[in-house]
Amino acid sequence: MDEKDQTEIYDLYESVGWIAYTKNPDRLWQAFANSQYMTEKNKPGEIVALIR
């Protein structure tokens, strides 16, 4: 996962109030690294939905 993806995911989590995940970004990225499957819906420059 590159830095751009991390920024978009972080922004998505913040926008819906999932601050428990955004308080510890390293833990969040580890959770994504351990995910077997992930899909996302994008609009230009932003992730608008994410399933993992």
Protein backbone atom coordinates (compact mmCIF):
# COMPACT_ATOMS: atom_id res chain seq x y z
CA MET A 1 0.00 0.00 0.00
CA ASP A 2 1.53 3.28 -1.03
CA GLU A 3 1.36 6.59 0.81
CA LYS A 4 -1.42 7.93 -1.45
CA ASP A 5 -3.61 4.91 -0.63
CA GLN A 6 -2.89 5.29 3.08
CA THR A 7 -3.88 8.96 2.99
CA GLU A 8 -7.14 8.20 1.19
CA ILE A 9 -7.99 5.34 3.57
CA TYR A 10 -7.14 7.46 6.61
CA ASP A 11 -9.35 10.28 5.30
CA LEU A 12 -12.22 7.84 4.69
CA TYR A 13 -11.97 6.43 8.23
CA GLU A 14 -11.85 9.95 9.70
CA SER A 15 -14.85 11.07 7.63
CA VAL A 16 -17.08 8.39 9.16
CA GLY A 17 -15.80 8.88 12.71
CA TRP A 18 -13.81 5.66 13.07
CA ILE A 19 -11.23 7.41 15.24
CA ALA A 20 -10.35 4.28 17.18
CA TYR A 21 -8.61 3.14 14.00
CA THR A 22 -7.04 6.47 13.11
CA LYS A 23 -5.50 6.99 16.57
CA ASN A 24 -2.93 4.31 15.71
CA PRO A 25 -2.24 4.39 11.95
CA ASP A 26 0.51 1.73 12.14
CA ARG A 27 -1.99 -0.71 13.59
CA LEU A 28 -4.49 0.22 10.88
CA TRP A 29 -1.94 -0.46 8.11
CA GLN A 30 -1.05 -3.78 9.72
CA ALA A 31 -4.72 -4.74 9.69
CA PHE A 32 -4.85 -3.99 5.97
CA ALA A 33 -1.64 -5.95 5.38
CA ASN A 34 -3.23 -8.95 7.12
CA SER A 35 -6.46 -8.73 5.10
CA GLN A 36 -7.02 -11.53 2.62
CA TYR A 37 -9.31 -9.45 0.41
CA MET A 38 -9.97 -5.78 -0.16
CA THR A 39 -12.02 -3.84 -2.68
CA GLU A 40 -12.75 -0.15 -2.93
CA LYS A 41 -14.93 2.28 -4.84
CA ASN A 42 -13.18 5.41 -6.03
CA LYS A 43 -13.98 8.77 -7.45
CA PRO A 44 -11.09 10.91 -8.70
CA GLY A 45 -8.57 11.37 -5.90
CA GLU A 46 -10.65 9.76 -3.17
CA ILE A 47 -11.81 6.40 -1.88
CA VAL A 48 -15.54 6.60 -1.16
CA ALA A 49 -16.19 3.01 -0.01
CA LEU A 50 -14.01 0.18 1.22
CA ILE A 51 -14.57 -3.47 2.08
CA ARG A 52 -11.93 -5.69 3.64
